[in-house]
């Protein structure tokens, strides 16, 4: 009772009461949900109150025109920010990764995987916001840019002939 839980596909909220046949969980929008105990017995229950940290896991997409030197600087500066900030758990305690990860259809992706000390949602959102601003400043300071889904069109041969002029039939 009093713990915040998540039951995938069933409910997420704070346990208010546990009865013989059902458990009342109050969702974050303050709606009470009566969950049959069979649902709790047959499904994994994640006890969010027992976690010690909160995770941030991002793929940061950079433009393909980003140079190797820029990629290295961006990766190193993001890693240093996370390692040196007291808001984040040290890599000695929990693995932290800032790595050039993949080449996707529209971007070169840097994976950012770290944990915050706070488990409180509103404070965690603030830490994420500060990190996002820092990442944007780092990327812009190198002259690189963020990628967005795009497509390129390549024309192999240009025709210098004039297009045929369409003349509508006179019977219409």
Protein backbone atom coordinates (compact mmCIF):
# COMPACT_ATOMS: atom_id res chain seq x y z
CA UNK A 1 0.00 0.00 0.00
CA UNK A 2 1.31 3.45 -0.97
CA UNK A 3 3.72 2.17 -3.62
CA UNK A 4 3.63 3.35 -7.21
CA UNK A 5 3.28 0.39 -9.57
CA UNK A 6 2.99 -0.29 -13.27
CA UNK A 7 1.14 -3.30 -14.62
CA UNK A 8 1.70 -3.36 -18.38
CA UNK A 9 -1.56 -3.05 -20.28
CA UNK A 10 -3.57 -2.78 -17.04
CA UNK A 11 -2.76 0.24 -14.89
CA UNK A 12 -0.07 2.59 -13.60
CA UNK A 13 -0.50 4.49 -10.35
CA UNK A 14 -0.38 4.32 -6.55
CA UNK A 15 -1.76 1.36 -4.62
CA UNK A 16 -4.51 2.62 -2.29
CA UNK A 17 -5.91 -0.61 -0.89
CA UNK A 18 -5.45 -4.35 -1.27
CA UNK A 19 -8.53 -6.49 -0.81
CA UNK A 20 -9.28 -10.20 -0.97
CA UNK A 21 -10.51 -10.07 -4.61
CA UNK A 22 -9.18 -6.76 -5.96
CA UNK A 23 -6.67 -3.98 -5.46
CA UNK A 24 -7.46 -0.28 -5.87
CA UNK A 25 -4.81 1.64 -7.78
CA UNK A 26 -5.19 5.41 -8.17
CA UNK A 27 -3.89 6.54 -11.56
CA UNK A 28 -1.89 9.75 -11.88
CA UNK A 29 -4.98 11.54 -13.21
CA UNK A 30 -6.56 10.65 -9.82
CA UNK A 31 -8.95 8.04 -11.27
CA UNK A 32 -9.30 4.98 -9.01
CA UNK A 33 -9.04 1.64 -10.81
CA UNK A 34 -10.21 -1.62 -9.24
CA UNK A 35 -7.86 -4.30 -10.54
CA UNK A 36 -8.82 -7.94 -10.00
CA UNK A 37 -6.02 -9.63 -8.08
CA UNK A 38 -5.88 -12.31 -10.79
CA UNK A 39 -4.56 -9.60 -13.16
CA UNK A 40 -1.83 -8.75 -10.65
CA UNK A 41 -0.99 -12.42 -10.15
CA UNK A 42 -0.80 -13.20 -13.89
CA UNK A 43 1.17 -10.11 -15.00
CA UNK A 44 4.55 -8.65 -14.11
CA UNK A 45 4.13 -5.85 -11.58
CA UNK A 46 6.82 -3.17 -11.72
CA UNK A 47 7.27 -1.44 -8.38
CA UNK A 48 8.36 2.04 -9.41
CA UNK A 49 8.70 3.14 -5.76
CA UNK A 50 11.61 0.75 -5.28
CA UNK A 51 13.83 2.10 -8.04
CA UNK A 52 16.96 3.96 -7.04
CA UNK A 53 17.53 5.89 -10.29
CA UNK A 54 15.75 6.92 -13.50
CA UNK A 55 17.10 6.21 -16.97
CA UNK A 56 17.56 8.51 -19.93
CA UNK A 57 18.02 6.71 -23.25
CA UNK A 58 18.24 8.85 -26.38
CA UNK A 59 19.40 8.50 -29.93
CA UNK A 60 20.72 11.87 -31.04
CA UNK A 61 20.59 12.11 -34.84
CA UNK A 62 23.21 14.27 -36.51
CA UNK A 63 23.43 15.30 -40.15
CA UNK A 64 25.56 13.18 -42.47
CA UNK A 65 27.65 16.23 -43.30
CA UNK A 66 28.97 16.15 -39.70
CA UNK A 67 32.71 15.51 -39.85
CA UNK A 68 34.53 12.81 -37.90
CA UNK A 69 36.20 15.53 -35.83
CA UNK A 70 32.84 17.13 -35.00
CA UNK A 71 31.38 13.72 -34.07
CA UNK A 72 34.26 13.04 -31.70
CA UNK A 73 34.00 16.45 -30.03
CA UNK A 74 30.21 16.19 -29.64
CA UNK A 75 30.45 12.70 -28.16
CA UNK A 76 33.23 13.67 -25.75
CA UNK A 77 31.52 16.87 -24.56
CA UNK A 78 28.19 15.13 -23.93
CA UNK A 79 29.98 12.36 -22.05
CA UNK A 80 31.92 14.87 -19.94
CA UNK A 81 28.75 16.78 -19.11
CA UNK A 82 27.00 13.63 -17.90
CA UNK A 83 30.03 12.33 -15.99
CA UNK A 84 30.78 15.67 -14.28
CA UNK A 85 27.21 16.65 -13.40
CA UNK A 86 26.01 15.73 -9.90
CA UNK A 87 22.55 15.11 -11.41
CA UNK A 88 23.72 11.85 -13.01
CA UNK A 89 24.88 8.58 -11.51
CA UNK A 90 28.60 7.98 -12.04
CA UNK A 91 29.70 5.33 -14.56
CA UNK A 92 31.42 3.50 -11.70
CA UNK A 93 28.02 2.91 -10.08
CA UNK A 94 25.90 2.23 -13.20
CA UNK A 95 27.05 1.88 -16.81
CA UNK A 96 26.88 5.12 -18.78
CA UNK A 97 27.21 5.17 -22.55
CA UNK A 98 27.72 8.01 -25.00
CA UNK A 99 28.71 6.34 -28.25
CA UNK A 100 28.49 6.92 -31.98
CA UNK A 101 26.00 4.14 -32.55
CA UNK A 102 24.58 3.81 -36.04
CA UNK A 103 24.08 5.13 -39.54
CA UNK A 104 20.37 5.40 -40.22
CA UNK A 105 18.51 6.47 -43.36
CA UNK A 106 18.73 10.16 -42.43
CA UNK A 107 21.32 10.52 -39.67
CA UNK A 108 24.42 9.44 -37.83
CA UNK A 109 23.15 8.52 -34.37
CA UNK A 110 24.85 9.01 -31.03
CA UNK A 111 23.40 6.80 -28.30
CA UNK A 112 23.09 8.45 -24.88
CA UNK A 113 22.35 6.02 -22.04
CA UNK A 114 22.61 7.32 -18.48
CA UNK A 115 20.82 7.42 -15.13
CA UNK A 116 19.74 10.29 -12.91
CA UNK A 117 19.93 10.35 -9.15
CA UNK A 118 16.37 11.56 -8.86
CA UNK A 119 13.43 9.20 -9.17
CA UNK A 120 10.84 11.97 -8.83
CA UNK A 121 9.16 12.48 -12.19
CA UNK A 122 8.98 16.31 -12.21
CA UNK A 123 12.62 16.65 -11.13
CA UNK A 124 13.66 14.00 -13.69
CA UNK A 125 11.90 16.00 -16.43
CA UNK A 126 13.92 19.07 -15.41
CA UNK A 127 17.18 17.09 -15.54
CA UNK A 128 16.23 15.82 -19.03
CA UNK A 129 15.40 19.35 -20.17
CA UNK A 130 18.75 20.67 -18.91
CA UNK A 131 20.50 17.80 -20.70
CA UNK A 132 18.62 18.52 -23.95
CA UNK A 133 19.64 22.18 -23.81
CA UNK A 134 23.24 21.20 -23.11
CA UNK A 135 23.27 18.71 -26.02
CA UNK A 136 21.85 21.36 -28.37
CA UNK A 137 24.50 23.88 -27.25
CA UNK A 138 27.26 21.30 -27.76
CA UNK A 139 26.08 20.34 -31.24
CA UNK A 140 25.64 23.97 -32.33
CA UNK A 141 29.03 24.99 -30.87
CA UNK A 142 30.78 22.56 -33.23
CA UNK A 143 28.96 23.87 -36.29
CA UNK A 144 27.09 20.58 -36.73
CA UNK A 145 23.34 20.18 -36.98
CA UNK A 146 20.59 17.79 -36.05
CA UNK A 147 19.19 15.51 -38.71
CA UNK A 148 15.55 15.04 -39.55
CA UNK A 149 13.88 12.44 -41.76
CA UNK A 150 14.59 13.34 -45.36
CA UNK A 151 15.02 11.90 -48.81
CA UNK A 152 17.39 12.89 -51.59
CA UNK A 153 16.46 12.80 -55.26
CA UNK A 154 19.24 12.12 -57.73
CA UNK A 155 18.73 12.80 -61.43
CA UNK A 156 21.02 10.73 -63.60
CA UNK A 157 20.40 12.42 -66.95
CA UNK A 158 18.78 15.66 -67.86
CA UNK A 159 16.80 15.79 -71.06
CA UNK A 160 17.31 18.91 -73.11
CA UNK A 161 14.46 18.09 -75.47
CA UNK A 162 11.33 20.16 -75.16
CA UNK A 163 8.34 18.34 -73.75
CA UNK A 164 5.60 17.33 -76.12
CA UNK A 165 2.79 19.88 -76.11
CA UNK A 166 -0.53 18.35 -75.16
CA UNK A 167 -3.38 19.24 -77.48
CA UNK A 168 -6.78 18.17 -76.19
CA UNK A 169 -9.06 16.35 -78.61
CA UNK A 170 -11.61 18.57 -80.35
CA UNK A 171 -14.49 16.15 -79.75
CA UNK A 172 -14.71 16.95 -76.05
